[in-house]
PDB file of N, CA and C in Angstrom:
ATOM      1  N   MET A   1      36.084  57.236 -49.131  1.00  0.00           N
ATOM      2  CA  MET A   1      34.927  56.363 -49.044  1.00  0.00           C
ATOM      3  C   MET A   1      35.404  54.924 -49.066  1.00  0.00           C
ATOM      4  N   ALA A   2      35.023  54.146 -48.080  1.00  0.00           N
ATOM      5  CA  ALA A   2      35.437  52.747 -47.988  1.00  0.00           C
ATOM      6  C   ALA A   2      34.606  51.894 -48.932  1.00  0.00           C
ATOM      7  N   LYS A   3      35.268  50.958 -49.560  1.00  0.00           N
ATOM      8  CA  LYS A   3      34.589  50.064 -50.488  1.00  0.00           C
ATOM      9  C   LYS A   3      34.007  48.880 -49.724  1.00  0.00           C
ATOM     10  N   LYS A   4      32.741  48.626 -49.933  1.00  0.00           N
ATOM     11  CA  LYS A   4      32.087  47.487 -49.308  1.00  0.00           C
ATOM     12  C   LYS A   4      31.785  46.454 -50.388  1.00  0.00           C
ATOM     13  N   ASP A   5      31.975  45.187 -50.061  1.00  0.00           N
ATOM     14  CA  ASP A   5      31.743  44.131 -51.027  1.00  0.00           C
ATOM     15  C   ASP A   5      30.497  43.316 -50.695  1.00  0.00           C
ATOM     16  N   ASP A   6      29.507  43.940 -50.101  1.00  0.00           N
ATOM     17  CA  ASP A   6      28.287  43.212 -49.806  1.00  0.00           C
ATOM     18  C   ASP A   6      27.203  43.568 -50.824  1.00  0.00           C
ATOM     19  N   LEU A   7      26.142  42.811 -50.813  1.00  0.00           N
ATOM     20  CA  LEU A   7      25.075  42.981 -51.796  1.00  0.00           C
ATOM     21  C   LEU A   7      24.387  44.333 -51.682  1.00  0.00           C
ATOM     22  N   SER A   8      24.232  44.842 -50.465  1.00  0.00           N
ATOM     23  CA  SER A   8      23.557  46.123 -50.278  1.00  0.00           C
ATOM     24  C   SER A   8      24.299  47.256 -50.970  1.00  0.00           C
ATOM     25  N   SER A   9      25.627  47.218 -50.917  1.00  0.00           N
ATOM     26  CA  SER A   9      26.390  48.285 -51.563  1.00  0.00           C
ATOM     27  C   SER A   9      26.316  48.161 -53.077  1.00  0.00           C
ATOM     28  N   ILE A  10      26.281  46.959 -53.592  1.00  0.00           N
ATOM     29  CA  ILE A  10      26.204  46.753 -55.035  1.00  0.00           C
ATOM     30  C   ILE A  10      24.824  47.137 -55.552  1.00  0.00           C
ATOM     31  N   ALA A  11      23.788  46.733 -54.836  1.00  0.00           N
ATOM     32  CA  ALA A  11      22.423  47.001 -55.280  1.00  0.00           C
ATOM     33  C   ALA A  11      21.985  48.426 -54.964  1.00  0.00           C
ATOM     34  N   GLY A  12      22.698  49.093 -54.078  1.00  0.00           N
ATOM     35  CA  GLY A  12      22.327  50.443 -53.697  1.00  0.00           C
ATOM     36  C   GLY A  12      21.180  50.495 -52.714  1.00  0.00           C
ATOM     37  N   LEU A  13      20.909  49.382 -52.061  1.00  0.00           N
ATOM     38  CA  LEU A  13      19.817  49.320 -51.083  1.00  0.00           C
ATOM     39  C   LEU A  13      20.352  49.589 -49.688  1.00  0.00           C
ATOM     40  N   PRO A  14      19.526  50.105 -48.806  1.00  0.00           N
ATOM     41  CA  PRO A  14      19.980  50.365 -47.439  1.00  0.00           C
ATOM     42  C   PRO A  14      20.305  49.074 -46.690  1.00  0.00           C
ATOM     43  N   ASP A  15      21.281  49.161 -45.805  1.00  0.00           N
ATOM     44  CA  ASP A  15      21.691  47.998 -45.008  1.00  0.00           C
ATOM     45  C   ASP A  15      20.573  47.493 -44.102  1.00  0.00           C
ATOM     46  N   GLU A  16      19.661  48.381 -43.719  1.00  0.00           N
ATOM     47  CA  GLU A  16      18.595  48.005 -42.797  1.00  0.00           C
ATOM     48  C   GLU A  16      17.653  46.944 -43.366  1.00  0.00           C
ATOM     49  N   LEU A  17      17.629  46.798 -44.677  1.00  0.00           N
ATOM     50  CA  LEU A  17      16.746  45.803 -45.289  1.00  0.00           C
ATOM     51  C   LEU A  17      17.220  44.384 -45.028  1.00  0.00           C
ATOM     52  N   GLY A  18      18.505  44.206 -44.737  1.00  0.00           N
ATOM     53  CA  GLY A  18      19.022  42.877 -44.418  1.00  0.00           C
ATOM     54  C   GLY A  18      19.103  41.955 -45.616  1.00  0.00           C
ATOM     55  N   ILE A  19      19.328  42.493 -46.794  1.00  0.00           N
ATOM     56  CA  ILE A  19      19.390  41.685 -48.005  1.00  0.00           C
ATOM     57  C   ILE A  19      20.508  40.652 -47.919  1.00  0.00           C
ATOM     58  N   ASP A  20      21.662  41.044 -47.359  1.00  0.00           N
ATOM     59  CA  ASP A  20      22.797  40.126 -47.248  1.00  0.00           C
ATOM     60  C   ASP A  20      22.452  38.906 -46.400  1.00  0.00           C
ATOM     61  N   GLN A  21      21.779  39.125 -45.270  1.00  0.00           N
ATOM     62  CA  GLN A  21      21.423  38.012 -44.400  1.00  0.00           C
ATOM     63  C   GLN A  21      20.417  37.087 -45.073  1.00  0.00           C
ATOM     64  N   ASP A  22      19.440  37.653 -45.768  1.00  0.00           N
ATOM     65  CA  ASP A  22      18.447  36.836 -46.450  1.00  0.00           C
ATOM     66  C   ASP A  22      19.083  35.998 -47.548  1.00  0.00           C
ATOM     67  N   LEU A  23      19.995  36.587 -48.306  1.00  0.00           N
ATOM     68  CA  LEU A  23      20.672  35.858 -49.368  1.00  0.00           C
ATOM     69  C   LEU A  23      21.549  34.758 -48.793  1.00  0.00           C
ATOM     70  N   ALA A  24      22.247  35.058 -47.706  1.00  0.00           N
ATOM     71  CA  ALA A  24      23.104  34.051 -47.075  1.00  0.00           C
ATOM     72  C   ALA A  24      22.274  32.876 -46.573  1.00  0.00           C
ATOM     73  N   LYS A  25      21.107  33.153 -46.009  1.00  0.00           N
ATOM     74  CA  LYS A  25      20.230  32.073 -45.541  1.00  0.00           C
ATOM     75  C   LYS A  25      19.753  31.212 -46.697  1.00  0.00           C
ATOM     76  N   SER A  26      19.312  31.839 -47.773  1.00  0.00           N
ATOM     77  CA  SER A  26      18.727  31.087 -48.877  1.00  0.00           C
ATOM     78  C   SER A  26      19.762  30.266 -49.629  1.00  0.00           C
ATOM     79  N   GLN A  27      21.047  30.608 -49.527  1.00  0.00           N
ATOM     80  CA  GLN A  27      22.080  29.856 -50.225  1.00  0.00           C
ATOM     81  C   GLN A  27      22.558  28.650 -49.436  1.00  0.00           C
ATOM     82  N   GLN A  28      22.208  28.559 -48.168  1.00  0.00           N
ATOM     83  CA  GLN A  28      22.582  27.409 -47.355  1.00  0.00           C
ATOM     84  C   GLN A  28      21.618  26.264 -47.634  1.00  0.00           C
ATOM     85  N   ARG A  29      22.143  25.064 -47.729  1.00  0.00           N
ATOM     86  CA  ARG A  29      21.314  23.884 -47.931  1.00  0.00           C
ATOM     87  C   ARG A  29      21.394  23.027 -46.676  1.00  0.00           C
ATOM     88  N   LEU A  30      20.322  23.060 -45.894  1.00  0.00           N
ATOM     89  CA  LEU A  30      20.290  22.346 -44.625  1.00  0.00           C
ATOM     90  C   LEU A  30      19.746  20.939 -44.809  1.00  0.00           C
ATOM     91  N   SER A  31      20.244  20.036 -44.006  1.00  0.00           N
ATOM     92  CA  SER A  31      19.712  18.679 -44.013  1.00  0.00           C
ATOM     93  C   SER A  31      19.158  18.367 -42.624  1.00  0.00           C
ATOM     94  N   ILE A  32      18.118  17.564 -42.623  1.00  0.00           N
ATOM     95  CA  ILE A  32      17.421  17.205 -41.382  1.00  0.00           C
ATOM     96  C   ILE A  32      17.390  15.689 -41.289  1.00  0.00           C
ATOM     97  N   HIS A  33      17.800  15.165 -40.148  1.00  0.00           N
ATOM     98  CA  HIS A  33      17.683  13.728 -39.910  1.00  0.00           C
ATOM     99  C   HIS A  33      17.458  13.475 -38.427  1.00  0.00           C
ATOM    100  N   VAL A  34      17.014  12.274 -38.113  1.00  0.00           N
ATOM    101  CA  VAL A  34      16.731  11.904 -36.726  1.00  0.00           C
ATOM    102  C   VAL A  34      17.752  10.860 -36.292  1.00  0.00           C
ATOM    103  N   ASP A  35      18.396  11.121 -35.156  1.00  0.00           N
ATOM    104  CA  ASP A  35      19.299  10.168 -34.527  1.00  0.00           C
ATOM    105  C   ASP A  35      18.600   9.575 -33.316  1.00  0.00           C
ATOM    106  N   THR A  36      19.050   8.409 -32.922  1.00  0.00           N
ATOM    107  CA  THR A  36      18.555   7.800 -31.697  1.00  0.00           C
ATOM    108  C   THR A  36      19.683   7.855 -30.680  1.00  0.00           C
ATOM    109  N   ARG A  37      19.407   8.383 -29.537  1.00  0.00           N
ATOM    110  CA  ARG A  37      20.414   8.533 -28.492  1.00  0.00           C
ATOM    111  C   ARG A  37      20.159   7.537 -27.375  1.00  0.00           C
ATOM    112  N   ARG A  38      20.770   7.792 -26.270  1.00  0.00           N
ATOM    113  CA  ARG A  38      20.691   6.910 -25.122  1.00  0.00           C
ATOM    114  C   ARG A  38      19.235   6.602 -24.759  1.00  0.00           C
ATOM    115  N   TYR A  39      18.986   5.366 -24.420  1.00  0.00           N
ATOM    116  CA  TYR A  39      17.663   4.885 -24.018  1.00  0.00           C
ATOM    117  C   TYR A  39      16.629   5.015 -25.133  1.00  0.00           C
ATOM    118  N   GLY A  40      17.065   5.069 -26.384  1.00  0.00           N
ATOM    119  CA  GLY A  40      16.150   5.110 -27.514  1.00  0.00           C
ATOM    120  C   GLY A  40      15.473   6.452 -27.748  1.00  0.00           C
ATOM    121  N   LYS A  41      15.997   7.511 -27.157  1.00  0.00           N
ATOM    122  CA  LYS A  41      15.403   8.847 -27.325  1.00  0.00           C
ATOM    123  C   LYS A  41      15.740   9.401 -28.706  1.00  0.00           C
ATOM    124  N   ALA A  42      14.752   9.981 -29.375  1.00  0.00           N
ATOM    125  CA  ALA A  42      14.940  10.573 -30.700  1.00  0.00           C
ATOM    126  C   ALA A  42      15.478  11.998 -30.569  1.00  0.00           C
ATOM    127  N   VAL A  43      16.392  12.355 -31.474  1.00  0.00           N
ATOM    128  CA  VAL A  43      16.947  13.707 -31.542  1.00  0.00           C
ATOM    129  C   VAL A  43      16.937  14.135 -32.999  1.00  0.00           C
ATOM    130  N   THR A  44      16.299  15.260 -33.296  1.00  0.00           N
ATOM    131  CA  THR A  44      16.283  15.802 -34.652  1.00  0.00           C
ATOM    132  C   THR A  44      17.518  16.669 -34.821  1.00  0.00           C
ATOM    133  N   VAL A  45      18.318  16.371 -35.856  1.00  0.00           N
ATOM    134  CA  VAL A  45      19.564  17.093 -36.104  1.00  0.00           C
ATOM    135  C   VAL A  45      19.429  17.884 -37.399  1.00  0.00           C
ATOM    136  N   VAL A  46      19.661  19.188 -37.318  1.00  0.00           N
ATOM    137  CA  VAL A  46      19.645  20.069 -38.482  1.00  0.00           C
ATOM    138  C   VAL A  46      21.084  20.508 -38.706  1.00  0.00           C
ATOM    139  N   SER A  47      21.662  20.145 -39.854  1.00  0.00           N
ATOM    140  CA  SER A  47      23.062  20.477 -40.126  1.00  0.00           C
ATOM    141  C   SER A  47      23.181  21.172 -41.478  1.00  0.00           C
ATOM    142  N   GLY A  48      24.368  21.752 -41.714  1.00  0.00           N
ATOM    143  CA  GLY A  48      24.629  22.437 -42.967  1.00  0.00           C
ATOM    144  C   GLY A  48      24.655  23.943 -42.848  1.00  0.00           C
ATOM    145  N   PHE A  49      24.702  24.464 -41.627  1.00  0.00           N
ATOM    146  CA  PHE A  49      24.710  25.907 -41.400  1.00  0.00           C
ATOM    147  C   PHE A  49      26.083  26.492 -41.719  1.00  0.00           C
ATOM    148  N   ASP A  50      26.098  27.691 -42.277  1.00  0.00           N
ATOM    149  CA  ASP A  50      27.322  28.467 -42.481  1.00  0.00           C
ATOM    150  C   ASP A  50      27.266  29.690 -41.573  1.00  0.00           C
ATOM    151  N   ARG A  51      27.064  29.478 -40.321  1.00  0.00           N
ATOM    152  CA  ARG A  51      26.870  30.569 -39.362  1.00  0.00           C
ATOM    153  C   ARG A  51      27.934  30.499 -38.278  1.00  0.00           C
ATOM    154  N   THR A  52      28.166  31.621 -37.613  1.00  0.00           N
ATOM    155  CA  THR A  52      29.050  31.625 -36.456  1.00  0.00           C
ATOM    156  C   THR A  52      28.304  31.032 -35.266  1.00  0.00           C
ATOM    157  N   GLY A  53      29.033  30.775 -34.201  1.00  0.00           N
ATOM    158  CA  GLY A  53      28.433  30.152 -33.024  1.00  0.00           C
ATOM    159  C   GLY A  53      27.283  30.925 -32.433  1.00  0.00           C
ATOM    160  N   SER A  54      27.429  32.242 -32.311  1.00  0.00           N
ATOM    161  CA  SER A  54      26.358  33.032 -31.700  1.00  0.00           C
ATOM    162  C   SER A  54      25.125  33.087 -32.604  1.00  0.00           C
ATOM    163  N   GLU A  55      25.317  33.183 -33.917  1.00  0.00           N
ATOM    164  CA  GLU A  55      24.169  33.195 -34.838  1.00  0.00           C
ATOM    165  C   GLU A  55      23.470  31.842 -34.833  1.00  0.00           C
ATOM    166  N   LEU A  56      24.237  30.763 -34.732  1.00  0.00           N
ATOM    167  CA  LEU A  56      23.656  29.427 -34.701  1.00  0.00           C
ATOM    168  C   LEU A  56      22.868  29.218 -33.413  1.00  0.00           C
ATOM    169  N   ARG A  57      23.361  29.759 -32.307  1.00  0.00           N
ATOM    170  CA  ARG A  57      22.605  29.670 -31.051  1.00  0.00           C
ATOM    171  C   ARG A  57      21.285  30.437 -31.157  1.00  0.00           C
ATOM    172  N   ASP A  58      21.279  31.556 -31.877  1.00  0.00           N
ATOM    173  CA  ASP A  58      20.034  32.302 -32.082  1.00  0.00           C
ATOM    174  C   ASP A  58      19.040  31.490 -32.905  1.00  0.00           C
ATOM    175  N   VAL A  59      19.523  30.821 -33.950  1.00  0.00           N
ATOM    176  CA  VAL A  59      18.658  29.969 -34.770  1.00  0.00           C
ATOM    177  C   VAL A  59      18.111  28.828 -33.922  1.00  0.00           C
ATOM    178  N   ALA A  60      18.974  28.213 -33.110  1.00  0.00           N
ATOM    179  CA  ALA A  60      18.535  27.120 -32.238  1.00  0.00           C
ATOM    180  C   ALA A  60      17.475  27.604 -31.256  1.00  0.00           C
ATOM    181  N   SER A  61      17.669  28.788 -30.719  1.00  0.00           N
ATOM    182  CA  SER A  61      16.700  29.348 -29.775  1.00  0.00           C
ATOM    183  C   SER A  61      15.344  29.560 -30.436  1.00  0.00           C
ATOM    184  N   GLN A  62      15.343  30.080 -31.644  1.00  0.00           N
ATOM    185  CA  GLN A  62      14.081  30.279 -32.366  1.00  0.00           C
ATOM    186  C   GLN A  62      13.400  28.951 -32.654  1.00  0.00           C
ATOM    187  N   LEU A  63      14.175  27.941 -33.068  1.00  0.00           N
ATOM    188  CA  LEU A  63      13.592  26.626 -33.345  1.00  0.00           C
ATOM    189  C   LEU A  63      13.005  26.017 -32.080  1.00  0.00           C
ATOM    190  N   LYS A  64      13.728  26.092 -30.978  1.00  0.00           N
ATOM    191  CA  LYS A  64      13.242  25.528 -29.725  1.00  0.00           C
ATOM    192  C   LYS A  64      11.959  26.208 -29.277  1.00  0.00           C
ATOM    193  N   ARG A  65      11.889  27.519 -29.448  1.00  0.00           N
ATOM    194  CA  ARG A  65      10.694  28.265 -29.055  1.00  0.00           C
ATOM    195  C   ARG A  65       9.505  27.871 -29.929  1.00  0.00           C
ATOM    196  N   LYS A  66       9.709  27.799 -31.241  1.00  0.00           N
ATOM    197  CA  LYS A  66       8.596  27.513 -32.149  1.00  0.00           C
ATOM    198  C   LYS A  66       8.139  26.066 -32.081  1.00  0.00           C
ATOM    199  N   LEU A  67       9.064  25.152 -31.753  1.00  0.00           N
ATOM    200  CA  LEU A  67       8.716  23.739 -31.689  1.00  0.00           C
ATOM    201  C   LEU A  67       8.432  23.263 -30.266  1.00  0.00           C
ATOM    202  N   ALA A  68       8.575  24.153 -29.288  1.00  0.00           N
ATOM    203  CA  ALA A  68       8.305  23.848 -27.882  1.00  0.00           C
ATOM    204  C   ALA A  68       9.070  22.609 -27.425  1.00  0.00           C
ATOM    205  N   CYS A  69      10.395  22.672 -27.609  1.00  0.00           N
ATOM    206  CA  CYS A  69      11.230  21.548 -27.208  1.00  0.00           C
ATOM    207  C   CYS A  69      12.565  22.075 -26.705  1.00  0.00           C
ATOM    208  N   GLY A  70      13.352  21.189 -26.137  1.00  0.00           N
ATOM    209  CA  GLY A  70      14.697  21.532 -25.725  1.00  0.00           C
ATOM    210  C   GLY A  70      15.669  21.230 -26.852  1.00  0.00           C
ATOM    211  N   GLY A  71      16.888  21.670 -26.688  1.00  0.00           N
ATOM    212  CA  GLY A  71      17.886  21.386 -27.703  1.00  0.00           C
ATOM    213  C   GLY A  71      19.186  22.096 -27.414  1.00  0.00           C
ATOM    214  N   THR A  72      20.153  21.905 -28.321  1.00  0.00           N
ATOM    215  CA  THR A  72      21.473  22.489 -28.148  1.00  0.00           C
ATOM    216  C   THR A  72      22.151  22.656 -29.494  1.00  0.00           C
ATOM    217  N   VAL A  73      23.313  23.302 -29.485  1.00  0.00           N
ATOM    218  CA  VAL A  73      24.146  23.434 -30.677  1.00  0.00           C
ATOM    219  C   VAL A  73      25.379  22.572 -30.462  1.00  0.00           C
ATOM    220  N   GLU A  74      25.628  21.642 -31.373  1.00  0.00           N
ATOM    221  CA  GLU A  74      26.782  20.753 -31.292  1.00  0.00           C
ATOM    222  C   GLU A  74      27.409  20.635 -32.670  1.00  0.00           C
ATOM    223  N   ASP A  75      28.712  20.913 -32.764  1.00  0.00           N
ATOM    224  CA  ASP A  75      29.467  20.709 -34.008  1.00  0.00           C
ATOM    225  C   ASP A  75      28.798  21.346 -35.219  1.00  0.00           C
ATOM    226  N   ASP A  76      28.455  22.615 -35.152  1.00  0.00           N
ATOM    227  CA  ASP A  76      27.829  23.356 -36.251  1.00  0.00           C
ATOM    228  C   ASP A  76      26.508  22.757 -36.704  1.00  0.00           C
ATOM    229  N   ALA A  77      25.789  22.148 -35.787  1.00  0.00           N
ATOM    230  CA  ALA A  77      24.460  21.602 -36.069  1.00  0.00           C
ATOM    231  C   ALA A  77      23.557  21.908 -34.882  1.00  0.00           C
ATOM    232  N   VAL A  78      22.270  21.968 -35.143  1.00  0.00           N
ATOM    233  CA  VAL A  78      21.285  22.180 -34.083  1.00  0.00           C
ATOM    234  C   VAL A  78      20.642  20.840 -33.779  1.00  0.00           C
ATOM    235  N   GLU A  79      20.657  20.455 -32.499  1.00  0.00           N
ATOM    236  CA  GLU A  79      20.034  19.213 -32.061  1.00  0.00           C
ATOM    237  C   GLU A  79      18.800  19.564 -31.243  1.00  0.00           C
ATOM    238  N   LEU A  80      17.667  19.004 -31.647  1.00  0.00           N
ATOM    239  CA  LEU A  80      16.392  19.255 -30.968  1.00  0.00           C
ATOM    240  C   LEU A  80      15.894  17.961 -30.341  1.00  0.00           C
ATOM    241  N   GLN A  81      15.435  18.037 -29.108  1.00  0.00           N
ATOM    242  CA  GLN A  81      14.951  16.852 -28.422  1.00  0.00           C
ATOM    243  C   GLN A  81      13.633  16.402 -29.026  1.00  0.00           C
ATOM    244  N   GLY A  82      13.577  15.142 -29.454  1.00  0.00           N
ATOM    245  CA  GLY A  82      12.367  14.573 -30.027  1.00  0.00           C
ATOM    246  C   GLY A  82      12.437  14.521 -31.544  1.00  0.00           C
ATOM    247  N   ASP A  83      11.446  13.873 -32.133  1.00  0.00           N
ATOM    248  CA  ASP A  83      11.356  13.747 -33.592  1.00  0.00           C
ATOM    249  C   ASP A  83      10.463  14.865 -34.124  1.00  0.00           C
ATOM    250  N   HIS A  84      11.087  15.868 -34.751  1.00  0.00           N
ATOM    251  CA  HIS A  84      10.371  17.030 -35.263  1.00  0.00           C
ATOM    252  C   HIS A  84      10.504  17.140 -36.775  1.00  0.00           C
ATOM    253  N   THR A  85      10.755  16.018 -37.453  1.00  0.00           N
ATOM    254  CA  THR A  85      10.980  16.066 -38.897  1.00  0.00           C
ATOM    255  C   THR A  85       9.761  16.569 -39.659  1.00  0.00           C
ATOM    256  N   ASN A  86       8.577  16.362 -39.130  1.00  0.00           N
ATOM    257  CA  ASN A  86       7.373  16.798 -39.836  1.00  0.00           C
ATOM    258  C   ASN A  86       7.152  18.308 -39.759  1.00  0.00           C
ATOM    259  N   ARG A  87       7.761  19.012 -38.786  1.00  0.00           N
ATOM    260  CA  ARG A  87       7.518  20.451 -38.623  1.00  0.00           C
ATOM    261  C   ARG A  87       8.745  21.330 -38.816  1.00  0.00           C
ATOM    262  N   VAL A  88       9.941  20.805 -38.544  1.00  0.00           N
ATOM    263  CA  VAL A  88      11.137  21.650 -38.542  1.00  0.00           C
ATOM    264  C   VAL A  88      11.442  22.214 -39.931  1.00  0.00           C
ATOM    265  N   GLY A  89      11.155  21.470 -40.987  1.00  0.00           N
ATOM    266  CA  GLY A  89      11.378  21.969 -42.345  1.00  0.00           C
ATOM    267  C   GLY A  89      10.541  23.203 -42.639  1.00  0.00           C
ATOM    268  N   ASP A  90       9.282  23.175 -42.252  1.00  0.00           N
ATOM    269  CA  ASP A  90       8.400  24.325 -42.470  1.00  0.00           C
ATOM    270  C   ASP A  90       8.868  25.541 -41.678  1.00  0.00           C
ATOM    271  N   VAL A  91       9.297  25.319 -40.441  1.00  0.00           N
ATOM    272  CA  VAL A  91       9.768  26.426 -39.607  1.00  0.00           C
ATOM    273  C   VAL A  91      11.035  27.036 -40.217  1.00  0.00           C
ATOM    274  N   LEU A  92      11.955  26.201 -40.675  1.00  0.00           N
ATOM    275  CA  LEU A  92      13.186  26.712 -41.277  1.00  0.00           C
ATOM    276  C   LEU A  92      12.908  27.467 -42.574  1.00  0.00           C
ATOM    277  N   ARG A  93      11.953  26.989 -43.357  1.00  0.00           N
ATOM    278  CA  ARG A  93      11.586  27.710 -44.588  1.00  0.00           C
ATOM    279  C   ARG A  93      10.996  29.080 -44.258  1.00  0.00           C
ATOM    280  N   GLU A  94      10.188  29.155 -43.209  1.00  0.00           N
ATOM    281  CA  GLU A  94       9.645  30.441 -42.761  1.00  0.00           C
ATOM    282  C   GLU A  94      10.757  31.396 -42.361  1.00  0.00           C
ATOM    283  N   MET A  95      11.852  30.834 -41.830  1.00  0.00           N
ATOM    284  CA  MET A  95      12.982  31.640 -41.408  1.00  0.00           C
ATOM    285  C   MET A  95      13.881  32.033 -42.581  1.00  0.00           C
ATOM    286  N   GLY A  96      13.608  31.474 -43.782  1.00  0.00           N
ATOM    287  CA  GLY A  96      14.360  31.859 -44.978  1.00  0.00           C
ATOM    288  C   GLY A  96      15.402  30.868 -45.428  1.00  0.00           C
ATOM    289  N   TYR A  97      15.462  29.673 -44.858  1.00  0.00           N
ATOM    290  CA  TYR A  97      16.453  28.672 -45.226  1.00  0.00           C
ATOM    291  C   TYR A  97      15.916  27.728 -46.290  1.00  0.00           C
ATOM    292  N   GLU A  98      16.818  27.123 -47.026  1.00  0.00           N
ATOM    293  CA  GLU A  98      16.483  26.083 -47.990  1.00  0.00           C
ATOM    294  C   GLU A  98      16.800  24.733 -47.365  1.00  0.00           C
ATOM    295  N   ILE A  99      15.955  23.757 -47.637  1.00  0.00           N
ATOM    296  CA  ILE A  99      16.122  22.417 -47.060  1.00  0.00           C
ATOM    297  C   ILE A  99      16.536  21.466 -48.168  1.00  0.00           C
ATOM    298  N   ARG A 100      17.593  20.705 -47.910  1.00  0.00           N
ATOM    299  CA  ARG A 100      18.055  19.670 -48.844  1.00  0.00           C
ATOM    300  C   ARG A 100      17.145  18.454 -48.686  1.00  0.00           C
ATOM    301  N   THR A 101      16.688  17.930 -49.786  1.00  0.00           N
ATOM    302  CA  THR A 101      15.807  16.753 -49.718  1.00  0.00           C
ATOM    303  C   THR A 101      16.529  15.509 -50.110  1.00  0.00           C
TER     304      THR A 101
END
């Protein structure tokens, strides 16, 4: 029997519940700020992720869909076109992340 060092094996819960992913999300402290880019365009930057590139692209895709905006992943941060500081925190909390204030 192989030894697993994840929370599901310790707690005895099935892997399908996704306890490890939820715990990993809640332990990350994300920060949100707005940068100004070329021609004075606002860009909302969400940084502080401890995710791999493909997982971060999935998070970016969900944010773009829920906020109806464009965006990209740059340097372990999600950049969203426009100033979304009033809504992005709520969306990230719904997704299970903690926001640094």
